[in-house]
Amino acid sequence: MERGGTVYIITNFTHTTFYTGVTSDITSRIIEHKEKAHPKSFSAKYNLDKLVYFCSYDSIEEAIAEEKRIKGGSRKRKIKLIESINPGWKDLWEIVKEW
């Protein structure tokens, strides 16, 4: 049985730094970021815990490919992607935690 995946982008309060990730369990992964479960990680160091973008895929392989594409893009492209679904830069955690 194939397991799906989700690509996500988190940022800090001032939107100065982005982290793009992929996971098969978005709820648990965002909780880890918010609780700083890995205190020496990039996201903890830069206080990245605001979920501003996510997109789910049928397979983890598709999600990984999309993560690599997003990571390879410019900051401007990431901002355009975020604003395409979240123009107000709201924390989408409220949506994800209901899953």
Protein backbone atom coordinates (compact mmCIF):
# COMPACT_ATOMS: atom_id res chain seq x y z
CA MET A 1 0.00 0.00 0.00
CA GLU A 2 1.40 3.38 -1.02
CA ARG A 3 1.45 6.14 1.53
CA GLY A 4 0.91 9.75 0.58
CA GLY A 5 2.99 12.73 1.54
CA THR A 6 2.66 16.42 2.21
CA VAL A 7 5.03 19.22 1.25
CA TYR A 8 4.98 22.21 3.57
CA ILE A 9 6.62 25.57 4.15
CA ILE A 10 7.05 27.09 7.58
CA THR A 11 8.38 30.51 8.47
CA ASN A 12 8.95 32.75 11.47
CA PHE A 13 6.83 35.64 12.75
CA THR A 14 8.51 38.18 10.46
CA HIS A 15 8.61 35.87 7.40
CA THR A 16 12.36 36.35 6.97
CA THR A 17 13.33 32.67 6.78
CA PHE A 18 11.63 29.67 5.17
CA TYR A 19 11.90 25.94 5.68
CA THR A 20 10.48 23.57 3.08
CA GLY A 21 9.85 20.01 4.22
CA VAL A 22 8.06 16.81 3.32
CA THR A 23 6.32 14.35 5.63
CA SER A 24 3.87 11.48 5.63
CA ASP A 25 2.26 12.84 8.83
CA ILE A 26 1.79 16.61 8.62
CA THR A 27 0.04 16.96 11.98
CA SER A 28 2.80 15.28 13.97
CA ARG A 29 5.53 17.05 12.03
CA ILE A 30 4.11 20.53 12.63
CA ILE A 31 3.69 19.73 16.32
CA GLU A 32 7.41 18.85 16.38
CA HIS A 33 8.24 22.25 14.85
CA LYS A 34 5.94 24.14 17.20
CA GLU A 35 7.25 22.36 20.30
CA LYS A 36 10.86 22.54 19.07
CA ALA A 37 11.24 18.79 19.55
CA HIS A 38 14.67 19.01 17.92
CA PRO A 39 16.23 22.07 19.63
CA LYS A 40 19.36 22.14 17.45
CA SER A 41 17.48 21.92 14.16
CA PHE A 42 17.32 24.69 11.55
CA SER A 43 13.65 25.35 12.28
CA ALA A 44 14.22 25.64 16.03
CA LYS A 45 17.30 27.86 15.58
CA TYR A 46 15.36 30.35 13.44
CA ASN A 47 12.05 29.98 15.33
CA LEU A 48 10.21 28.60 12.30
CA ASP A 49 6.83 27.33 13.43
CA LYS A 50 4.23 29.16 11.34
CA LEU A 51 2.74 26.90 8.67
CA VAL A 52 2.08 29.07 5.62
CA TYR A 53 1.84 26.48 2.83
CA PHE A 54 1.06 22.80 2.42
CA CYS A 55 0.00 20.50 -0.39
CA SER A 56 -0.72 16.77 -0.18
CA TYR A 57 0.17 14.12 -2.77
CA ASP A 58 -0.98 10.54 -3.34
CA SER A 59 2.54 9.15 -2.97
CA ILE A 60 5.52 10.14 -0.86
CA GLU A 61 7.66 10.00 -4.01
CA GLU A 62 5.55 12.73 -5.64
CA ALA A 63 5.80 14.82 -2.48
CA ILE A 64 9.60 14.42 -2.34
CA ALA A 65 9.90 15.47 -5.99
CA GLU A 66 7.80 18.59 -5.32
CA GLU A 67 9.83 19.42 -2.19
CA LYS A 68 13.03 19.32 -4.26
CA ARG A 69 11.45 21.52 -6.94
CA ILE A 70 10.35 24.10 -4.36
CA LYS A 71 13.70 24.05 -2.56
CA GLY A 72 15.48 24.63 -5.87
CA GLY A 73 13.42 27.73 -6.58
CA SER A 74 14.10 31.31 -5.59
CA ARG A 75 12.71 33.08 -2.55
CA LYS A 76 10.48 35.06 -4.93
CA ARG A 77 8.98 31.83 -6.30
CA LYS A 78 8.36 30.53 -2.77
CA ILE A 79 6.56 33.74 -1.84
CA LYS A 80 4.44 33.51 -4.99
CA LEU A 81 3.58 29.88 -4.15
CA ILE A 82 2.63 30.76 -0.55
CA GLU A 83 0.51 33.71 -1.63
CA SER A 84 -1.29 31.60 -4.25
CA ILE A 85 -3.08 29.73 -1.45
CA ASN A 86 -2.47 31.96 1.56
CA PRO A 87 -2.37 35.65 0.58
CA GLY A 88 -2.77 36.77 4.20
CA TRP A 89 0.13 34.61 5.43
CA LYS A 90 -2.10 33.08 8.12
CA ASP A 91 -0.88 30.17 10.20
CA LEU A 92 -2.56 27.19 8.56
CA TRP A 93 -2.05 25.04 11.64
CA GLU A 94 -5.72 25.40 12.56
CA ILE A 95 -6.66 23.65 9.31
CA VAL A 96 -4.06 20.89 9.62
CA LYS A 97 -4.72 19.98 13.24
CA GLU A 98 -8.32 19.11 12.36
CA TRP A 99 -7.15 16.31 10.00
